[in-house]
Amino acid sequence: MNLSLQLLFHGAIVLLIGLLSGIPYGSAITQKKDEEVVRAWRVAHSGLSMGGTTMIAFAAAINQLDINAIALLILVWSSVISGYGFCVALPYGAWVGHRGLSIGQTIENKIVYLGNMVGATGSLVSTLALIFGCLESMNIFS
């Protein structure tokens, strides 16, 4: 399995969801919705677009790395899991009006919170794996 291609594919899906989140974002602006609604859709649109673009960049970068298979699997799949976590949290949170910054009381907020935690944890793990992979590839640990 070509992990770079897997990451590229899933990054393109996350990017697509981010771009599609621009539709309700634009609609919220033109309909003069409350600023919190506009902000939530802005975060979904820009955050997912940046996340998908970052995954695509990682897909290109991992071909430069000389790291073991386990570290590469961790880098790729934590990034993919992160992207999909945010694909749940950001548009759903904008739609139901929850930010998911704490566990909260409602099921809607719990879903947004869980998506945010999965997204944040996955992105942290994948970024650390990328840094580790760069250091290993530069023979810093030898």
N, C-alpha and C. Protein backbone atom coordinates (compact mmCIF):
# COMPACT_ATOMS: atom_id res chain seq x y z
N MET A 1 0.84 -1.18 0.00
CA MET A 1 0.00 0.00 0.00
C MET A 1 0.89 1.25 0.00
N ASN A 2 0.61 2.16 -0.90
CA ASN A 2 1.36 3.40 -1.00
C ASN A 2 0.80 4.40 0.01
N LEU A 3 1.52 4.60 1.11
CA LEU A 3 1.02 5.47 2.17
C LEU A 3 0.95 6.93 1.75
N SER A 4 1.85 7.34 0.90
CA SER A 4 1.80 8.72 0.39
C SER A 4 0.51 8.95 -0.39
N LEU A 5 0.14 7.99 -1.21
CA LEU A 5 -1.09 8.10 -1.99
C LEU A 5 -2.33 8.06 -1.08
N GLN A 6 -2.29 7.22 -0.05
CA GLN A 6 -3.39 7.17 0.92
C GLN A 6 -3.58 8.54 1.58
N LEU A 7 -2.48 9.14 2.02
CA LEU A 7 -2.55 10.45 2.67
C LEU A 7 -3.02 11.52 1.69
N LEU A 8 -2.55 11.47 0.47
CA LEU A 8 -2.99 12.41 -0.56
C LEU A 8 -4.50 12.29 -0.80
N PHE A 9 -4.99 11.07 -0.93
CA PHE A 9 -6.42 10.83 -1.16
C PHE A 9 -7.27 11.36 -0.01
N HIS A 10 -6.93 11.00 1.21
CA HIS A 10 -7.72 11.44 2.35
C HIS A 10 -7.59 12.94 2.57
N GLY A 11 -6.42 13.49 2.28
CA GLY A 11 -6.26 14.95 2.35
C GLY A 11 -7.16 15.66 1.36
N ALA A 12 -7.30 15.08 0.18
CA ALA A 12 -8.19 15.68 -0.83
C ALA A 12 -9.65 15.62 -0.38
N ILE A 13 -10.04 14.56 0.31
CA ILE A 13 -11.41 14.46 0.82
C ILE A 13 -11.64 15.52 1.90
N VAL A 14 -10.70 15.66 2.82
CA VAL A 14 -10.82 16.67 3.87
C VAL A 14 -10.87 18.07 3.25
N LEU A 15 -10.04 18.31 2.27
CA LEU A 15 -10.06 19.60 1.56
C LEU A 15 -11.42 19.83 0.91
N LEU A 16 -11.96 18.82 0.26
CA LEU A 16 -13.28 18.94 -0.37
C LEU A 16 -14.36 19.30 0.66
N ILE A 17 -14.34 18.64 1.80
CA ILE A 17 -15.33 18.94 2.85
C ILE A 17 -15.14 20.38 3.33
N GLY A 18 -13.90 20.81 3.45
CA GLY A 18 -13.64 22.20 3.83
C GLY A 18 -14.16 23.18 2.80
N LEU A 19 -13.93 22.89 1.54
CA LEU A 19 -14.42 23.78 0.48
C LEU A 19 -15.95 23.80 0.45
N LEU A 20 -16.56 22.64 0.61
CA LEU A 20 -18.03 22.59 0.65
C LEU A 20 -18.60 23.32 1.86
N SER A 21 -17.83 23.39 2.94
CA SER A 21 -18.26 24.16 4.11
C SER A 21 -18.30 25.66 3.82
N GLY A 22 -17.70 26.05 2.71
CA GLY A 22 -17.77 27.45 2.29
C GLY A 22 -19.17 27.84 1.82
N ILE A 23 -19.97 26.86 1.43
CA ILE A 23 -21.35 27.17 0.98
C ILE A 23 -22.18 27.72 2.14
N PRO A 24 -22.30 26.99 3.27
CA PRO A 24 -23.07 27.56 4.38
C PRO A 24 -22.38 28.79 4.99
N TYR A 25 -21.06 28.87 4.88
CA TYR A 25 -20.35 30.06 5.36
C TYR A 25 -20.79 31.29 4.57
N GLY A 26 -20.76 31.19 3.26
CA GLY A 26 -21.20 32.30 2.41
C GLY A 26 -22.67 32.62 2.62
N SER A 27 -23.46 31.58 2.78
CA SER A 27 -24.88 31.78 3.02
C SER A 27 -25.13 32.50 4.35
N ALA A 28 -24.39 32.15 5.38
CA ALA A 28 -24.53 32.81 6.67
C ALA A 28 -24.19 34.29 6.58
N ILE A 29 -23.18 34.61 5.76
CA ILE A 29 -22.80 36.01 5.57
C ILE A 29 -23.89 36.76 4.83
N THR A 30 -24.32 36.22 3.70
CA THR A 30 -25.31 36.93 2.88
C THR A 30 -26.67 37.04 3.56
N GLN A 31 -27.00 36.09 4.41
CA GLN A 31 -28.27 36.15 5.14
C GLN A 31 -28.15 36.94 6.45
N LYS A 32 -26.96 37.53 6.66
CA LYS A 32 -26.70 38.34 7.86
C LYS A 32 -27.04 37.60 9.16
N LYS A 33 -26.57 36.34 9.22
CA LYS A 33 -26.76 35.53 10.43
C LYS A 33 -25.94 36.11 11.57
N ASP A 34 -26.23 35.66 12.76
CA ASP A 34 -25.49 36.07 13.95
C ASP A 34 -23.99 35.82 13.75
N GLU A 35 -23.15 36.68 14.33
CA GLU A 35 -21.70 36.58 14.15
C GLU A 35 -21.15 35.24 14.62
N GLU A 36 -21.75 34.64 15.63
CA GLU A 36 -21.29 33.32 16.10
C GLU A 36 -21.52 32.24 15.04
N VAL A 37 -22.61 32.33 14.31
CA VAL A 37 -22.90 31.38 13.23
C VAL A 37 -21.89 31.57 12.10
N VAL A 38 -21.65 32.82 11.73
CA VAL A 38 -20.67 33.12 10.68
C VAL A 38 -19.29 32.64 11.10
N ARG A 39 -18.90 32.90 12.35
CA ARG A 39 -17.59 32.47 12.85
C ARG A 39 -17.46 30.95 12.79
N ALA A 40 -18.50 30.24 13.20
CA ALA A 40 -18.43 28.78 13.22
C ALA A 40 -18.23 28.21 11.82
N TRP A 41 -18.95 28.77 10.84
CA TRP A 41 -18.78 28.27 9.47
C TRP A 41 -17.44 28.71 8.89
N ARG A 42 -16.94 29.88 9.31
CA ARG A 42 -15.60 30.32 8.86
C ARG A 42 -14.54 29.36 9.36
N VAL A 43 -14.67 28.96 10.63
CA VAL A 43 -13.71 28.01 11.20
C VAL A 43 -13.79 26.67 10.47
N ALA A 44 -14.99 26.19 10.19
CA ALA A 44 -15.14 24.92 9.47
C ALA A 44 -14.51 25.02 8.08
N HIS A 45 -14.84 26.08 7.36
CA HIS A 45 -14.33 26.25 6.00
C HIS A 45 -12.80 26.39 5.98
N SER A 46 -12.29 27.32 6.76
CA SER A 46 -10.84 27.57 6.71
C SER A 46 -10.06 26.45 7.39
N GLY A 47 -10.55 25.96 8.52
CA GLY A 47 -9.83 24.91 9.24
C GLY A 47 -9.70 23.62 8.46
N LEU A 48 -10.79 23.19 7.85
CA LEU A 48 -10.73 21.96 7.07
C LEU A 48 -9.94 22.14 5.78
N SER A 49 -10.06 23.32 5.18
CA SER A 49 -9.27 23.58 3.96
C SER A 49 -7.78 23.55 4.28
N MET A 50 -7.39 24.17 5.40
CA MET A 50 -5.98 24.14 5.81
C MET A 50 -5.55 22.73 6.21
N GLY A 51 -6.42 22.02 6.91
CA GLY A 51 -6.09 20.66 7.32
C GLY A 51 -5.88 19.73 6.13
N GLY A 52 -6.78 19.80 5.15
CA GLY A 52 -6.64 18.99 3.95
C GLY A 52 -5.39 19.34 3.17
N THR A 53 -5.11 20.64 3.07
CA THR A 53 -3.91 21.10 2.37
C THR A 53 -2.65 20.62 3.10
N THR A 54 -2.69 20.65 4.42
CA THR A 54 -1.55 20.16 5.20
C THR A 54 -1.33 18.67 4.98
N MET A 55 -2.41 17.91 4.92
CA MET A 55 -2.28 16.47 4.65
C MET A 55 -1.67 16.23 3.28
N ILE A 56 -2.07 17.03 2.30
CA ILE A 56 -1.51 16.91 0.95
C ILE A 56 -0.02 17.24 0.97
N ALA A 57 0.34 18.26 1.73
CA ALA A 57 1.77 18.62 1.86
C ALA A 57 2.55 17.51 2.54
N PHE A 58 1.98 16.93 3.60
CA PHE A 58 2.63 15.81 4.28
C PHE A 58 2.83 14.65 3.31
N ALA A 59 1.84 14.42 2.43
CA ALA A 59 1.94 13.32 1.46
C ALA A 59 3.14 13.49 0.56
N ALA A 60 3.40 14.73 0.16
CA ALA A 60 4.57 15.00 -0.68
C ALA A 60 5.86 14.90 0.13
N ALA A 61 5.81 15.33 1.38
CA ALA A 61 7.03 15.38 2.20
C ALA A 61 7.49 14.01 2.66
N ILE A 62 6.58 13.08 2.89
CA ILE A 62 7.01 11.80 3.47
C ILE A 62 7.89 10.99 2.54
N ASN A 63 7.84 11.31 1.25
CA ASN A 63 8.74 10.61 0.32
C ASN A 63 10.20 11.00 0.54
N GLN A 64 10.43 12.10 1.25
CA GLN A 64 11.79 12.54 1.55
C GLN A 64 12.34 11.90 2.82
N LEU A 65 11.47 11.24 3.58
CA LEU A 65 11.87 10.71 4.87
C LEU A 65 12.44 9.30 4.75
N ASP A 66 13.42 9.04 5.59
CA ASP A 66 14.01 7.70 5.70
C ASP A 66 13.73 7.21 7.12
N ILE A 67 12.47 6.76 7.34
CA ILE A 67 12.06 6.33 8.67
C ILE A 67 11.48 4.92 8.60
N ASN A 68 11.37 4.30 9.76
CA ASN A 68 10.86 2.92 9.78
C ASN A 68 9.37 2.89 9.48
N ALA A 69 8.89 1.72 9.14
CA ALA A 69 7.50 1.55 8.69
C ALA A 69 6.49 1.90 9.76
N ILE A 70 6.79 1.60 11.01
CA ILE A 70 5.85 1.90 12.10
C ILE A 70 5.68 3.41 12.26
N ALA A 71 6.79 4.14 12.25
CA ALA A 71 6.73 5.61 12.39
C ALA A 71 5.96 6.22 11.22
N LEU A 72 6.17 5.67 10.03
CA LEU A 72 5.45 6.18 8.86
C LEU A 72 3.96 5.90 8.96
N LEU A 73 3.60 4.70 9.41
CA LEU A 73 2.18 4.37 9.61
C LEU A 73 1.54 5.30 10.64
N ILE A 74 2.25 5.57 11.71
CA ILE A 74 1.74 6.48 12.74
C ILE A 74 1.53 7.87 12.16
N LEU A 75 2.51 8.36 11.41
CA LEU A 75 2.41 9.68 10.81
C LEU A 75 1.19 9.78 9.90
N VAL A 76 1.05 8.83 9.01
CA VAL A 76 -0.02 8.88 8.00
C VAL A 76 -1.38 8.71 8.64
N TRP A 77 -1.57 7.66 9.41
CA TRP A 77 -2.92 7.36 9.90
C TRP A 77 -3.37 8.28 11.02
N SER A 78 -2.44 8.82 11.80
CA SER A 78 -2.87 9.82 12.80
C SER A 78 -3.30 11.10 12.10
N SER A 79 -2.67 11.42 10.99
CA SER A 79 -3.08 12.58 10.21
C SER A 79 -4.46 12.37 9.59
N VAL A 80 -4.70 11.18 9.05
CA VAL A 80 -6.00 10.86 8.45
C VAL A 80 -7.10 10.89 9.52
N ILE A 81 -6.85 10.26 10.64
CA ILE A 81 -7.83 10.24 11.73
C ILE A 81 -8.11 11.66 12.21
N SER A 82 -7.07 12.46 12.32
CA SER A 82 -7.24 13.86 12.71
C SER A 82 -8.14 14.61 11.74
N GLY A 83 -7.85 14.45 10.46
CA GLY A 83 -8.64 15.14 9.45
C GLY A 83 -10.12 14.79 9.53
N TYR A 84 -10.42 13.51 9.70
CA TYR A 84 -11.82 13.10 9.78
C TYR A 84 -12.46 13.50 11.11
N GLY A 85 -11.68 13.54 12.18
CA GLY A 85 -12.20 14.03 13.45
C GLY A 85 -12.69 15.47 13.31
N PHE A 86 -11.87 16.29 12.67
CA PHE A 86 -12.26 17.68 12.45
C PHE A 86 -13.39 17.79 11.42
N CYS A 87 -13.47 16.84 10.47
CA CYS A 87 -14.58 16.84 9.50
C CYS A 87 -15.92 16.60 10.20
N VAL A 88 -15.90 15.92 11.31
CA VAL A 88 -17.12 15.75 12.10
C VAL A 88 -17.34 16.98 12.97
N ALA A 89 -16.32 17.37 13.72
CA ALA A 89 -16.48 18.42 14.73
C ALA A 89 -16.82 19.78 14.15
N LEU A 90 -16.13 20.21 13.13
CA LEU A 90 -16.28 21.60 12.69
C LEU A 90 -17.59 21.87 11.96
N PRO A 91 -17.95 21.12 10.92
CA PRO A 91 -19.25 21.41 10.28
C PRO A 91 -20.43 21.08 11.19
N TYR A 92 -20.35 19.96 11.91
CA TYR A 92 -21.46 19.59 12.79
C TYR A 92 -21.62 20.64 13.91
N GLY A 93 -20.50 21.08 14.46
CA GLY A 93 -20.55 22.11 15.49
C GLY A 93 -21.16 23.40 14.99
N ALA A 94 -20.81 23.79 13.77
CA ALA A 94 -21.40 25.00 13.18
C ALA A 94 -22.89 24.80 12.94
N TRP A 95 -23.26 23.64 12.51
CA TRP A 95 -24.67 23.34 12.21
C TRP A 95 -25.54 23.35 13.46
N VAL A 96 -25.05 22.73 14.55
CA VAL A 96 -25.86 22.63 15.77
C VAL A 96 -25.59 23.76 16.76
N GLY A 97 -24.59 24.59 16.49
CA GLY A 97 -24.32 25.73 17.36
C GLY A 97 -23.53 25.42 18.61
N HIS A 98 -22.64 24.42 18.53
CA HIS A 98 -21.78 24.08 19.67
C HIS A 98 -20.32 24.19 19.26
N ARG A 99 -19.50 24.64 20.19
CA ARG A 99 -18.07 24.76 19.92
C ARG A 99 -17.30 23.52 20.34
N GLY A 100 -17.81 22.78 21.31
CA GLY A 100 -17.16 21.55 21.73
C GLY A 100 -15.82 21.76 22.40
N LEU A 101 -15.65 22.87 23.11
CA LEU A 101 -14.39 23.15 23.79
C LEU A 101 -14.30 22.48 25.16
N SER A 102 -15.44 22.07 25.68
CA SER A 102 -15.49 21.27 26.91
C SER A 102 -16.55 20.19 26.68
N ILE A 103 -16.57 19.21 27.56
CA ILE A 103 -17.43 18.04 27.34
C ILE A 103 -18.91 18.43 27.31
N GLY A 104 -19.33 19.40 28.08
CA GLY A 104 -20.69 19.90 28.01
C GLY A 104 -21.75 18.89 28.42
N GLN A 105 -23.01 19.32 28.33
CA GLN A 105 -24.13 18.51 28.79
C GLN A 105 -24.87 17.79 27.66
N THR A 106 -24.97 18.42 26.49
CA THR A 106 -25.80 17.86 25.42
C THR A 106 -25.03 16.84 24.59
N ILE A 107 -25.75 15.94 23.96
CA ILE A 107 -25.12 14.94 23.09
C ILE A 107 -24.45 15.62 21.90
N GLU A 108 -25.06 16.68 21.39
CA GLU A 108 -24.47 17.40 20.26
C GLU A 108 -23.10 17.95 20.63
N ASN A 109 -23.02 18.58 21.81
CA ASN A 109 -21.74 19.13 22.25
C ASN A 109 -20.71 18.04 22.50
N LYS A 110 -21.17 16.91 23.04
CA LYS A 110 -20.24 15.79 23.28
C LYS A 110 -19.66 15.28 21.95
N ILE A 111 -20.47 15.23 20.91
CA ILE A 111 -19.99 14.78 19.59
C ILE A 111 -18.95 15.77 19.05
N VAL A 112 -19.24 17.06 19.16
CA VAL A 112 -18.30 18.08 18.69
C VAL A 112 -17.01 18.01 19.50
N TYR A 113 -17.15 17.88 20.82
CA TYR A 113 -15.98 17.78 21.69
C TYR A 113 -15.12 16.58 21.32
N LEU A 114 -15.75 15.43 21.15
CA LEU A 114 -15.01 14.21 20.79
C LEU A 114 -14.30 14.39 19.45
N GLY A 115 -14.98 14.95 18.45
CA GLY A 115 -14.35 15.21 17.16
C GLY A 115 -13.16 16.14 17.29
N ASN A 116 -13.30 17.18 18.11
CA ASN A 116 -12.18 18.10 18.33
C ASN A 116 -11.01 17.41 19.01
N MET A 117 -11.30 16.56 20.00
CA MET A 117 -10.22 15.87 20.72
C MET A 117 -9.50 14.87 19.80
N VAL A 118 -10.28 14.15 19.00
CA VAL A 118 -9.67 13.21 18.04
C VAL A 118 -8.82 14.01 17.04
N GLY A 119 -9.36 15.10 16.53
CA GLY A 119 -8.64 15.92 15.57
C GLY A 119 -7.37 16.52 16.14
N ALA A 120 -7.48 17.09 17.33
CA ALA A 120 -6.30 17.73 17.94
C ALA A 120 -5.23 16.71 18.30
N THR A 121 -5.64 15.59 18.87
CA THR A 121 -4.67 14.56 19.25
C THR A 121 -3.99 13.97 18.02
N GLY A 122 -4.78 13.67 17.00
CA GLY A 122 -4.20 13.12 15.77
C GLY A 122 -3.23 14.08 15.11
N SER A 123 -3.57 15.36 15.07
CA SER A 123 -2.66 16.32 14.43
C SER A 123 -1.39 16.49 15.23
N LEU A 124 -1.50 16.45 16.56
CA LEU A 124 -0.30 16.54 17.39
C LEU A 124 0.60 15.32 17.16
N VAL A 125 0.02 14.14 17.15
CA VAL A 125 0.81 12.92 16.95
C VAL A 125 1.46 12.92 15.57
N SER A 126 0.70 13.28 14.52
CA SER A 126 1.27 13.25 13.17
C SER A 126 2.38 14.29 13.01
N THR A 127 2.22 15.45 13.62
CA THR A 127 3.26 16.47 13.52
C THR A 127 4.51 16.05 14.27
N LEU A 128 4.34 15.47 15.45
CA LEU A 128 5.51 14.96 16.18
C LEU A 128 6.19 13.84 15.40
N ALA A 129 5.41 12.97 14.77
CA ALA A 129 5.99 11.90 13.96
C ALA A 129 6.75 12.48 12.76
N LEU A 130 6.22 13.54 12.17
CA LEU A 130 6.93 14.19 11.06
C LEU A 130 8.25 14.78 11.53
N ILE A 131 8.22 15.45 12.67
CA ILE A 131 9.47 16.03 13.21
C ILE A 131 10.46 14.92 13.52
N PHE A 132 10.00 13.86 14.17
CA PHE A 132 10.86 12.72 14.47
C PHE A 132 11.43 12.12 13.18
N GLY A 133 10.56 11.98 12.17
CA GLY A 133 11.00 11.44 10.89
C GLY A 133 12.05 12.31 10.22
N CYS A 134 11.89 13.61 10.33
CA CYS A 134 12.90 14.52 9.76
C CYS A 134 14.23 14.38 10.50
N LEU A 135 14.16 14.36 11.83
CA LEU A 135 15.39 14.22 12.61
C LEU A 135 16.08 12.88 12.33
N GLU A 136 15.27 11.83 12.24
CA GLU A 136 15.84 10.50 11.95
C GLU A 136 16.46 10.48 10.55
N SER A 137 15.79 11.12 9.59
CA SER A 137 16.30 11.13 8.22
C SER A 137 17.56 11.97 8.09
N MET A 138 17.74 12.94 8.97
CA MET A 138 18.96 13.76 8.97
C MET A 138 20.06 13.13 9.82
N ASN A 139 19.79 11.90 10.28
CA ASN A 139 20.75 11.14 11.08
C ASN A 139 21.14 11.84 12.37
N ILE A 140 20.20 12.56 12.97
CA ILE A 140 20.45 13.23 14.24
C ILE A 140 20.62 12.21 15.37
N PHE A 141 19.94 11.06 15.26
CA PHE A 141 19.97 10.07 16.32
C PHE A 141 21.10 9.06 16.17
N SER A 142 21.93 9.19 15.15
CA SER A 142 23.01 8.22 14.93
C SER A 142 24.28 8.66 15.61
